[in-house]
């Protein structure tokens, strides 16, 4: 057993309630990583959920994807968008409740964690378009899921959540320091442990675990650095954010090493509202918009 896996297992032992990823999301994640899976097989699995199918068709016909024709079937969606984009649509449609729904999770407004996560996914995807377009789907997934650990912590300390908030607002601790003092672990650590339990690919586990400190990863950590830059951006912009103490500085050493320039970040930030509006109205509950 690797050292990382043993650390993850040690963290999960102390968690009272481990959330489950929706079964269809698990199946689609697994299938889109299998080179032998056909479009018909993927269509058969997704079409078992009529509500999900309808939501996917609404999303892929939104202005965000800019397809040349109206898509009326899952098979058309897969043909035009590809396996990985359809995977992202499945995750986007199925994971909003897991990411807090309209609940208030520490540091965020009502429904704010979902709003913030979706904004981070879009920002991550747009940064990837500028840096390495082949990563845009992976970047979206990583951005969407990077704060999944906050859901676990929220469930773990729901009766004493005010203590964590007070550590940030009154004792002036950072988010990670407040989590560490309250629980002995942080949301990136528990989120990575959960992603590993769900058998996510290593680049997603690494991005979830290190999105606050991307410089700690050796080798090709581009997805992690992209998500870090997007995370800093959407928190600074206030998407779903209630406490300004959630803000933290951009690791410019990491972003400059990956050629993520300030010009790119400024462009993505300037266009972010437009990109989110082109798809977000179909996803974000009323009252959960940017605060």
C-alpha atoms as a PDB file:
ATOM      1  CA  UNK A   1       0.000   0.000   0.000  1.00  0.00           C
ATOM      2  CA  UNK A   2       1.341   3.436  -0.931  1.00  0.00           C
ATOM      3  CA  UNK A   3       1.974   6.072   1.709  1.00  0.00           C
ATOM      4  CA  UNK A   4      -0.634   8.358   0.119  1.00  0.00           C
ATOM      5  CA  UNK A   5      -3.321   5.643   0.132  1.00  0.00           C
ATOM      6  CA  UNK A   6      -2.635   4.795   3.778  1.00  0.00           C
ATOM      7  CA  UNK A   7      -2.963   8.487   4.661  1.00  0.00           C
ATOM      8  CA  UNK A   8      -6.290   8.663   2.813  1.00  0.00           C
ATOM      9  CA  UNK A   9      -7.585   5.584   4.639  1.00  0.00           C
ATOM     10  CA  UNK A  10      -6.551   7.063   7.988  1.00  0.00           C
ATOM     11  CA  UNK A  11      -8.531  10.235   7.229  1.00  0.00           C
ATOM     12  CA  UNK A  12     -11.641   8.346   6.094  1.00  0.00           C
ATOM     13  CA  UNK A  13     -11.649   6.249   9.295  1.00  0.00           C
ATOM     14  CA  UNK A  14     -12.529   9.400  11.239  1.00  0.00           C
ATOM     15  CA  UNK A  15     -15.388  10.414   8.942  1.00  0.00           C
ATOM     16  CA  UNK A  16     -18.846   9.593  10.272  1.00  0.00           C
ATOM     17  CA  UNK A  17     -20.722   9.991   6.988  1.00  0.00           C
ATOM     18  CA  UNK A  18     -19.038   9.410   3.625  1.00  0.00           C
ATOM     19  CA  UNK A  19     -21.156  10.776   0.753  1.00  0.00           C
ATOM     20  CA  UNK A  20     -21.828   8.565  -2.233  1.00  0.00           C
ATOM     21  CA  UNK A  21     -21.323   9.730  -5.784  1.00  0.00           C
ATOM     22  CA  UNK A  22     -24.524   9.098  -7.798  1.00  0.00           C
ATOM     23  CA  UNK A  23     -24.360   5.624  -9.312  1.00  0.00           C
ATOM     24  CA  UNK A  24     -24.859   6.821 -12.865  1.00  0.00           C
ATOM     25  CA  UNK A  25     -21.993   9.318 -12.460  1.00  0.00           C
ATOM     26  CA  UNK A  26     -19.718   6.507 -11.250  1.00  0.00           C
ATOM     27  CA  UNK A  27     -20.663   4.325 -14.218  1.00  0.00           C
ATOM     28  CA  UNK A  28     -20.180   7.108 -16.758  1.00  0.00           C
ATOM     29  CA  UNK A  29     -16.820   8.105 -15.226  1.00  0.00           C
ATOM     30  CA  UNK A  30     -15.664   4.492 -15.505  1.00  0.00           C
ATOM     31  CA  UNK A  31     -16.988   3.995 -19.036  1.00  0.00           C
ATOM     32  CA  UNK A  32     -15.422   7.163 -20.449  1.00  0.00           C
ATOM     33  CA  UNK A  33     -12.018   5.917 -19.283  1.00  0.00           C
ATOM     34  CA  UNK A  34     -12.447   2.600 -21.120  1.00  0.00           C
ATOM     35  CA  UNK A  35     -11.230   2.691 -24.719  1.00  0.00           C
ATOM     36  CA  UNK A  36     -13.422  -0.307 -25.580  1.00  0.00           C
ATOM     37  CA  UNK A  37     -16.720   1.359 -24.633  1.00  0.00           C
ATOM     38  CA  UNK A  38     -18.869   2.407 -27.592  1.00  0.00           C
ATOM     39  CA  UNK A  39     -21.105   5.444 -27.999  1.00  0.00           C
ATOM     40  CA  UNK A  40     -24.139   3.142 -28.062  1.00  0.00           C
ATOM     41  CA  UNK A  41     -23.158   1.599 -24.719  1.00  0.00           C
ATOM     42  CA  UNK A  42     -22.734   5.033 -23.136  1.00  0.00           C
ATOM     43  CA  UNK A  43     -26.070   6.148 -24.589  1.00  0.00           C
ATOM     44  CA  UNK A  44     -27.796   3.054 -23.185  1.00  0.00           C
ATOM     45  CA  UNK A  45     -26.556   3.767 -19.651  1.00  0.00           C
ATOM     46  CA  UNK A  46     -27.412   7.481 -19.601  1.00  0.00           C
ATOM     47  CA  UNK A  47     -30.819   6.995 -21.246  1.00  0.00           C
ATOM     48  CA  UNK A  48     -31.915   4.845 -18.301  1.00  0.00           C
ATOM     49  CA  UNK A  49     -32.473   8.162 -16.500  1.00  0.00           C
ATOM     50  CA  UNK A  50     -34.987  10.224 -18.548  1.00  0.00           C
ATOM     51  CA  UNK A  51     -34.596  13.301 -16.334  1.00  0.00           C
ATOM     52  CA  UNK A  52     -30.836  13.264 -16.735  1.00  0.00           C
ATOM     53  CA  UNK A  53     -31.179  12.743 -20.474  1.00  0.00           C
ATOM     54  CA  UNK A  54     -33.428  15.782 -20.776  1.00  0.00           C
ATOM     55  CA  UNK A  55     -31.062  17.940 -18.728  1.00  0.00           C
ATOM     56  CA  UNK A  56     -28.080  16.905 -20.839  1.00  0.00           C
ATOM     57  CA  UNK A  57     -29.910  17.786 -24.051  1.00  0.00           C
ATOM     58  CA  UNK A  58     -30.874  21.200 -22.623  1.00  0.00           C
ATOM     59  CA  UNK A  59     -27.278  21.900 -21.663  1.00  0.00           C
ATOM     60  CA  UNK A  60     -25.669  20.775 -24.893  1.00  0.00           C
ATOM     61  CA  UNK A  61     -28.114  23.028 -26.794  1.00  0.00           C
ATOM     62  CA  UNK A  62     -27.088  26.041 -24.710  1.00  0.00           C
ATOM     63  CA  UNK A  63     -25.050  28.896 -26.172  1.00  0.00           C
ATOM     64  CA  UNK A  64     -21.991  27.729 -24.217  1.00  0.00           C
ATOM     65  CA  UNK A  65     -21.341  24.822 -26.592  1.00  0.00           C
ATOM     66  CA  UNK A  66     -22.287  26.704 -29.750  1.00  0.00           C
ATOM     67  CA  UNK A  67     -23.229  23.623 -31.741  1.00  0.00           C
ATOM     68  CA  UNK A  68     -24.271  24.184 -35.387  1.00  0.00           C
ATOM     69  CA  UNK A  69     -27.596  22.379 -35.040  1.00  0.00           C
ATOM     70  CA  UNK A  70     -30.176  21.502 -32.412  1.00  0.00           C
ATOM     71  CA  UNK A  71     -29.266  18.244 -30.660  1.00  0.00           C
ATOM     72  CA  UNK A  72     -32.300  16.023 -30.144  1.00  0.00           C
ATOM     73  CA  UNK A  73     -30.769  12.759 -28.937  1.00  0.00           C
ATOM     74  CA  UNK A  74     -28.019  11.460 -26.680  1.00  0.00           C
ATOM     75  CA  UNK A  75     -26.304   9.749 -29.588  1.00  0.00           C
ATOM     76  CA  UNK A  76     -26.091  13.105 -31.381  1.00  0.00           C
ATOM     77  CA  UNK A  77     -24.737  14.756 -28.238  1.00  0.00           C
ATOM     78  CA  UNK A  78     -21.990  12.146 -27.933  1.00  0.00           C
ATOM     79  CA  UNK A  79     -21.157  12.428 -31.634  1.00  0.00           C
ATOM     80  CA  UNK A  80     -20.819  16.218 -31.555  1.00  0.00           C
ATOM     81  CA  UNK A  81     -19.348  16.698 -28.077  1.00  0.00           C
ATOM     82  CA  UNK A  82     -17.417  13.497 -27.410  1.00  0.00           C
ATOM     83  CA  UNK A  83     -17.270  11.152 -24.433  1.00  0.00           C
ATOM     84  CA  UNK A  84     -15.485  13.461 -22.014  1.00  0.00           C
ATOM     85  CA  UNK A  85     -17.701  16.490 -22.550  1.00  0.00           C
ATOM     86  CA  UNK A  86     -20.786  14.307 -22.102  1.00  0.00           C
ATOM     87  CA  UNK A  87     -19.170  12.938 -18.921  1.00  0.00           C
ATOM     88  CA  UNK A  88     -18.876  16.508 -17.657  1.00  0.00           C
ATOM     89  CA  UNK A  89     -22.524  17.147 -18.466  1.00  0.00           C
ATOM     90  CA  UNK A  90     -23.508  14.034 -16.497  1.00  0.00           C
ATOM     91  CA  UNK A  91     -21.416  15.159 -13.515  1.00  0.00           C
ATOM     92  CA  UNK A  92     -22.784  18.692 -13.717  1.00  0.00           C
ATOM     93  CA  UNK A  93     -26.373  17.441 -13.770  1.00  0.00           C
ATOM     94  CA  UNK A  94     -25.992  14.839 -11.010  1.00  0.00           C
ATOM     95  CA  UNK A  95     -23.623  16.385  -8.511  1.00  0.00           C
ATOM     96  CA  UNK A  96     -25.317  19.676  -7.578  1.00  0.00           C
ATOM     97  CA  UNK A  97     -27.152  18.091  -4.631  1.00  0.00           C
ATOM     98  CA  UNK A  98     -23.950  16.432  -3.429  1.00  0.00           C
ATOM     99  CA  UNK A  99     -22.199  19.802  -3.535  1.00  0.00           C
ATOM    100  CA  UNK A 100     -24.627  21.222  -1.027  1.00  0.00           C
ATOM    101  CA  UNK A 101     -27.680  21.975  -3.134  1.00  0.00           C
ATOM    102  CA  UNK A 102     -29.186  25.147  -1.691  1.00  0.00           C
ATOM    103  CA  UNK A 103     -27.703  24.533   1.786  1.00  0.00           C
ATOM    104  CA  UNK A 104     -25.337  26.959   3.464  1.00  0.00           C
ATOM    105  CA  UNK A 105     -21.851  25.469   3.852  1.00  0.00           C
ATOM    106  CA  UNK A 106     -19.253  27.326   5.902  1.00  0.00           C
ATOM    107  CA  UNK A 107     -17.870  30.395   4.196  1.00  0.00           C
ATOM    108  CA  UNK A 108     -20.421  30.241   1.374  1.00  0.00           C
ATOM    109  CA  UNK A 109     -23.835  31.775   0.832  1.00  0.00           C
ATOM    110  CA  UNK A 110     -26.962  29.624   0.504  1.00  0.00           C
ATOM    111  CA  UNK A 111     -26.310  27.338  -2.459  1.00  0.00           C
ATOM    112  CA  UNK A 112     -22.956  29.040  -2.776  1.00  0.00           C
ATOM    113  CA  UNK A 113     -20.696  26.000  -2.806  1.00  0.00           C
ATOM    114  CA  UNK A 114     -22.455  24.695  -5.915  1.00  0.00           C
ATOM    115  CA  UNK A 115     -22.361  28.137  -7.566  1.00  0.00           C
ATOM    116  CA  UNK A 116     -18.679  28.500  -6.721  1.00  0.00           C
ATOM    117  CA  UNK A 117     -17.844  24.973  -7.914  1.00  0.00           C
ATOM    118  CA  UNK A 118     -19.574  25.439 -11.243  1.00  0.00           C
ATOM    119  CA  UNK A 119     -17.855  28.806 -11.742  1.00  0.00           C
ATOM    120  CA  UNK A 120     -14.497  27.180 -10.973  1.00  0.00           C
ATOM    121  CA  UNK A 121     -15.212  24.415 -13.496  1.00  0.00           C
ATOM    122  CA  UNK A 122     -15.957  26.947 -16.243  1.00  0.00           C
ATOM    123  CA  UNK A 123     -12.939  29.102 -15.345  1.00  0.00           C
ATOM    124  CA  UNK A 124     -10.676  26.026 -15.291  1.00  0.00           C
ATOM    125  CA  UNK A 125     -11.928  24.960 -18.700  1.00  0.00           C
ATOM    126  CA  UNK A 126     -11.396  28.423 -20.170  1.00  0.00           C
ATOM    127  CA  UNK A 127      -7.841  28.679 -18.786  1.00  0.00           C
ATOM    128  CA  UNK A 128      -7.100  25.240 -20.269  1.00  0.00           C
ATOM    129  CA  UNK A 129      -8.345  26.457 -23.667  1.00  0.00           C
ATOM    130  CA  UNK A 130      -5.566  29.060 -23.612  1.00  0.00           C
ATOM    131  CA  UNK A 131      -2.819  26.783 -22.291  1.00  0.00           C
ATOM    132  CA  UNK A 132      -3.481  23.222 -23.468  1.00  0.00           C
ATOM    133  CA  UNK A 133      -6.868  22.719 -25.144  1.00  0.00           C
ATOM    134  CA  UNK A 134      -6.626  18.929 -24.896  1.00  0.00           C
ATOM    135  CA  UNK A 135      -7.043  19.276 -21.112  1.00  0.00           C
ATOM    136  CA  UNK A 136     -10.212  21.371 -21.171  1.00  0.00           C
ATOM    137  CA  UNK A 137     -12.546  18.514 -20.206  1.00  0.00           C
ATOM    138  CA  UNK A 138     -10.287  17.222 -17.419  1.00  0.00           C
ATOM    139  CA  UNK A 139      -9.851  20.772 -16.127  1.00  0.00           C
ATOM    140  CA  UNK A 140     -13.630  21.236 -16.006  1.00  0.00           C
ATOM    141  CA  UNK A 141     -14.090  18.037 -13.983  1.00  0.00           C
ATOM    142  CA  UNK A 142     -11.278  18.910 -11.582  1.00  0.00           C
ATOM    143  CA  UNK A 143     -12.609  22.437 -11.088  1.00  0.00           C
ATOM    144  CA  UNK A 144     -16.118  21.139 -10.434  1.00  0.00           C
ATOM    145  CA  UNK A 145     -14.971  18.647  -7.783  1.00  0.00           C
ATOM    146  CA  UNK A 146     -12.018  20.418  -6.164  1.00  0.00           C
ATOM    147  CA  UNK A 147     -13.995  21.414  -3.012  1.00  0.00           C
ATOM    148  CA  UNK A 148     -15.906  18.146  -2.526  1.00  0.00           C
ATOM    149  CA  UNK A 149     -14.125  17.783   0.826  1.00  0.00           C
ATOM    150  CA  UNK A 150     -16.075  20.759   2.187  1.00  0.00           C
ATOM    151  CA  UNK A 151     -19.250  18.685   1.943  1.00  0.00           C
ATOM    152  CA  UNK A 152     -17.716  15.997   4.160  1.00  0.00           C
ATOM    153  CA  UNK A 153     -16.491  18.549   6.694  1.00  0.00           C
ATOM    154  CA  UNK A 154     -19.887  20.286   6.716  1.00  0.00           C
ATOM    155  CA  UNK A 155     -21.588  16.984   7.569  1.00  0.00           C
ATOM    156  CA  UNK A 156     -18.909  16.138  10.127  1.00  0.00           C
ATOM    157  CA  UNK A 157     -19.166  19.383  12.132  1.00  0.00           C
ATOM    158  CA  UNK A 158     -22.670  20.626  11.328  1.00  0.00           C
ATOM    159  CA  UNK A 159     -23.405  21.161  15.032  1.00  0.00           C
ATOM    160  CA  UNK A 160     -20.171  23.070  15.680  1.00  0.00           C
ATOM    161  CA  UNK A 161     -19.610  24.711  12.310  1.00  0.00           C
ATOM    162  CA  UNK A 162     -19.708  28.138  13.943  1.00  0.00           C
ATOM    163  CA  UNK A 163     -16.433  27.305  15.696  1.00  0.00           C
ATOM    164  CA  UNK A 164     -14.652  26.912  12.370  1.00  0.00           C
ATOM    165  CA  UNK A 165     -16.157  30.150  11.082  1.00  0.00           C
ATOM    166  CA  UNK A 166     -15.085  31.986  14.256  1.00  0.00           C
ATOM    167  CA  UNK A 167     -11.519  30.763  13.817  1.00  0.00           C
ATOM    168  CA  UNK A 168     -11.501  32.479  10.422  1.00  0.00           C
ATOM    169  CA  UNK A 169     -13.401  35.638  11.303  1.00  0.00           C
ATOM    170  CA  UNK A 170     -12.193  36.279  14.871  1.00  0.00           C
ATOM    171  CA  UNK A 171      -8.898  34.422  15.236  1.00  0.00           C
ATOM    172  CA  UNK A 172      -7.915  35.431  11.680  1.00  0.00           C
ATOM    173  CA  UNK A 173      -6.922  31.907  10.660  1.00  0.00           C
ATOM    174  CA  UNK A 174      -6.908  30.879   7.012  1.00  0.00           C
ATOM    175  CA  UNK A 175      -9.528  28.397   5.843  1.00  0.00           C
ATOM    176  CA  UNK A 176      -7.066  25.505   5.809  1.00  0.00           C
ATOM    177  CA  UNK A 177      -5.641  26.407   9.228  1.00  0.00           C
ATOM    178  CA  UNK A 178      -9.155  26.628  10.707  1.00  0.00           C
ATOM    179  CA  UNK A 179     -10.079  23.234   9.256  1.00  0.00           C
ATOM    180  CA  UNK A 180      -6.865  21.675  10.518  1.00  0.00           C
ATOM    181  CA  UNK A 181      -7.383  23.042  14.026  1.00  0.00           C
ATOM    182  CA  UNK A 182     -11.030  21.953  14.131  1.00  0.00           C
ATOM    183  CA  UNK A 183     -10.709  18.474  12.604  1.00  0.00           C
ATOM    184  CA  UNK A 184      -7.070  17.582  12.146  1.00  0.00           C
ATOM    185  CA  UNK A 185      -7.374  17.548   8.354  1.00  0.00           C
ATOM    186  CA  UNK A 186      -8.375  19.943   5.555  1.00  0.00           C
ATOM    187  CA  UNK A 187     -10.960  19.883   2.782  1.00  0.00           C
ATOM    188  CA  UNK A 188      -8.341  19.186   0.060  1.00  0.00           C
ATOM    189  CA  UNK A 189      -7.074  16.184   2.044  1.00  0.00           C
ATOM    190  CA  UNK A 190     -10.489  14.650   2.706  1.00  0.00           C
ATOM    191  CA  UNK A 191     -11.622  15.494  -0.837  1.00  0.00           C
ATOM    192  CA  UNK A 192      -8.621  13.679  -2.308  1.00  0.00           C
ATOM    193  CA  UNK A 193      -9.248  10.696  -0.023  1.00  0.00           C
ATOM    194  CA  UNK A 194     -12.833  10.586  -1.272  1.00  0.00           C
ATOM    195  CA  UNK A 195     -11.757  10.891  -4.911  1.00  0.00           C
ATOM    196  CA  UNK A 196      -9.300   8.044  -4.392  1.00  0.00           C
ATOM    197  CA  UNK A 197     -12.066   5.954  -2.810  1.00  0.00           C
ATOM    198  CA  UNK A 198     -14.191   6.630  -5.891  1.00  0.00           C
ATOM    199  CA  UNK A 199     -11.282   5.480  -8.106  1.00  0.00           C
ATOM    200  CA  UNK A 200     -10.864   8.824  -9.832  1.00  0.00           C
ATOM    201  CA  UNK A 201      -7.796   9.158 -12.109  1.00  0.00           C
ATOM    202  CA  UNK A 202      -4.654  10.416 -10.380  1.00  0.00           C
ATOM    203  CA  UNK A 203      -4.686  13.852 -12.061  1.00  0.00           C
ATOM    204  CA  UNK A 204      -8.095  14.562 -10.489  1.00  0.00           C
ATOM    205  CA  UNK A 205      -6.981  13.279  -7.071  1.00  0.00           C
ATOM    206  CA  UNK A 206      -3.847  15.450  -7.254  1.00  0.00           C
ATOM    207  CA  UNK A 207      -5.818  18.527  -8.330  1.00  0.00           C
ATOM    208  CA  UNK A 208      -8.296  18.119  -5.472  1.00  0.00           C
ATOM    209  CA  UNK A 209      -5.532  17.515  -2.925  1.00  0.00           C
ATOM    210  CA  UNK A 210      -3.194  20.319  -3.981  1.00  0.00           C
ATOM    211  CA  UNK A 211      -5.303  23.073  -5.519  1.00  0.00           C
ATOM    212  CA  UNK A 212      -4.391  25.441  -2.682  1.00  0.00           C
ATOM    213  CA  UNK A 213      -0.653  24.638  -2.925  1.00  0.00           C
ATOM    214  CA  UNK A 214       0.122  23.528  -6.497  1.00  0.00           C
ATOM    215  CA  UNK A 215       3.879  23.976  -6.168  1.00  0.00           C
ATOM    216  CA  UNK A 216       4.166  20.897  -3.934  1.00  0.00           C
ATOM    217  CA  UNK A 217       3.481  18.491  -6.827  1.00  0.00           C
ATOM    218  CA  UNK A 218       6.492  17.310  -8.830  1.00  0.00           C
ATOM    219  CA  UNK A 219       6.290  16.696 -12.553  1.00  0.00           C
ATOM    220  CA  UNK A 220       3.398  17.624 -14.835  1.00  0.00           C
ATOM    221  CA  UNK A 221       0.917  19.281 -12.503  1.00  0.00           C
ATOM    222  CA  UNK A 222      -0.747  21.481 -15.114  1.00  0.00           C
ATOM    223  CA  UNK A 223      -4.325  20.489 -14.249  1.00  0.00           C
ATOM    224  CA  UNK A 224      -3.678  21.267 -10.573  1.00  0.00           C
ATOM    225  CA  UNK A 225      -2.188  24.683 -11.396  1.00  0.00           C
ATOM    226  CA  UNK A 226      -5.098  25.493 -13.722  1.00  0.00           C
ATOM    227  CA  UNK A 227      -7.625  24.635 -11.013  1.00  0.00           C
ATOM    228  CA  UNK A 228      -5.628  26.635  -8.446  1.00  0.00           C
ATOM    229  CA  UNK A 229      -5.704  29.731 -10.666  1.00  0.00           C
ATOM    230  CA  UNK A 230      -9.431  29.284 -11.327  1.00  0.00           C
ATOM    231  CA  UNK A 231     -10.143  28.736  -7.621  1.00  0.00           C
ATOM    232  CA  UNK A 232      -8.370  31.947  -6.629  1.00  0.00           C
ATOM    233  CA  UNK A 233     -10.220  33.793  -9.405  1.00  0.00           C
ATOM    234  CA  UNK A 234     -13.781  32.700  -8.585  1.00  0.00           C
ATOM    235  CA  UNK A 235     -13.323  33.232  -4.839  1.00  0.00           C
ATOM    236  CA  UNK A 236     -11.919  36.710  -5.496  1.00  0.00           C
ATOM    237  CA  UNK A 237     -14.837  37.424  -7.837  1.00  0.00           C
ATOM    238  CA  UNK A 238     -17.256  36.367  -5.102  1.00  0.00           C
ATOM    239  CA  UNK A 239     -19.129  33.515  -6.776  1.00  0.00           C
ATOM    240  CA  UNK A 240     -21.166  31.951  -3.963  1.00  0.00           C
ATOM    241  CA  UNK A 241     -18.824  33.445  -1.363  1.00  0.00           C
ATOM    242  CA  UNK A 242     -20.054  34.864   1.933  1.00  0.00           C
ATOM    243  CA  UNK A 243     -16.805  35.216   3.903  1.00  0.00           C
ATOM    244  CA  UNK A 244     -13.904  37.119   2.357  1.00  0.00           C
ATOM    245  CA  UNK A 245     -11.647  35.000   4.578  1.00  0.00           C
ATOM    246  CA  UNK A 246     -11.979  32.269   1.941  1.00  0.00           C
ATOM    247  CA  UNK A 247      -9.616  34.273  -0.257  1.00  0.00           C
ATOM    248  CA  UNK A 248      -5.991  33.241  -0.558  1.00  0.00           C
ATOM    249  CA  UNK A 249      -3.105  34.404  -2.787  1.00  0.00           C
ATOM    250  CA  UNK A 250      -2.256  33.131  -6.238  1.00  0.00           C
ATOM    251  CA  UNK A 251       0.883  30.979  -6.413  1.00  0.00           C
ATOM    252  CA  UNK A 252       2.573  32.998  -9.132  1.00  0.00           C
ATOM    253  CA  UNK A 253       5.629  30.762  -9.192  1.00  0.00           C
ATOM    254  CA  UNK A 254       3.425  27.817 -10.184  1.00  0.00           C
ATOM    255  CA  UNK A 255       1.322  29.744 -12.708  1.00  0.00           C
ATOM    256  CA  UNK A 256       4.344  31.340 -14.381  1.00  0.00           C
ATOM    257  CA  UNK A 257       6.066  27.952 -14.702  1.00  0.00           C
ATOM    258  CA  UNK A 258       2.995  26.703 -16.580  1.00  0.00           C
ATOM    259  CA  UNK A 259       2.785  29.874 -18.714  1.00  0.00           C
ATOM    260  CA  UNK A 260      -0.518  30.963 -17.206  1.00  0.00           C
ATOM    261  CA  UNK A 261       0.063  34.681 -17.614  1.00  0.00           C
ATOM    262  CA  UNK A 262      -1.800  37.534 -15.986  1.00  0.00           C
ATOM    263  CA  UNK A 263      -3.082  38.455 -19.439  1.00  0.00           C
ATOM    264  CA  UNK A 264      -4.727  35.035 -19.762  1.00  0.00           C
ATOM    265  CA  UNK A 265      -6.231  35.260 -16.275  1.00  0.00           C
ATOM    266  CA  UNK A 266      -7.557  38.769 -16.957  1.00  0.00           C
ATOM    267  CA  UNK A 267      -9.157  37.627 -20.199  1.00  0.00           C
ATOM    268  CA  UNK A 268     -10.788  34.588 -18.604  1.00  0.00           C
ATOM    269  CA  UNK A 269     -12.021  36.689 -15.681  1.00  0.00           C
ATOM    270  CA  UNK A 270     -13.463  39.343 -18.013  1.00  0.00           C
ATOM    271  CA  UNK A 271     -15.380  36.726 -20.017  1.00  0.00           C
ATOM    272  CA  UNK A 272     -16.403  34.525 -17.100  1.00  0.00           C
ATOM    273  CA  UNK A 273     -19.822  36.081 -16.441  1.00  0.00           C
ATOM    274  CA  UNK A 274     -20.743  35.664 -20.096  1.00  0.00           C
ATOM    275  CA  UNK A 275     -19.623  32.032 -20.224  1.00  0.00           C
ATOM    276  CA  UNK A 276     -21.474  31.168 -17.029  1.00  0.00           C
ATOM    277  CA  UNK A 277     -24.624  32.991 -18.133  1.00  0.00           C
ATOM    278  CA  UNK A 278     -24.680  30.996 -21.379  1.00  0.00           C
ATOM    279  CA  UNK A 279     -25.143  27.757 -19.439  1.00  0.00           C
ATOM    280  CA  UNK A 280     -25.490  28.614 -15.768  1.00  0.00           C
ATOM    281  CA  UNK A 281     -29.114  29.768 -15.928  1.00  0.00           C
ATOM    282  CA  UNK A 282     -29.974  26.135 -16.659  1.00  0.00           C
ATOM    283  CA  UNK A 283     -28.088  24.928 -13.597  1.00  0.00           C
ATOM    284  CA  UNK A 284     -27.851  27.455 -10.781  1.00  0.00           C
ATOM    285  CA  UNK A 285     -30.901  27.668  -8.517  1.00  0.00           C
ATOM    286  CA  UNK A 286     -32.525  31.043  -8.056  1.00  0.00           C
ATOM    287  CA  UNK A 287     -30.989  32.835  -5.086  1.00  0.00           C
ATOM    288  CA  UNK A 288     -27.651  31.054  -5.528  1.00  0.00           C
ATOM    289  CA  UNK A 289     -26.104  33.439  -7.970  1.00  0.00           C
ATOM    290  CA  UNK A 290     -22.892  35.330  -7.507  1.00  0.00           C
ATOM    291  CA  UNK A 291     -22.918  37.282  -4.261  1.00  0.00           C
END
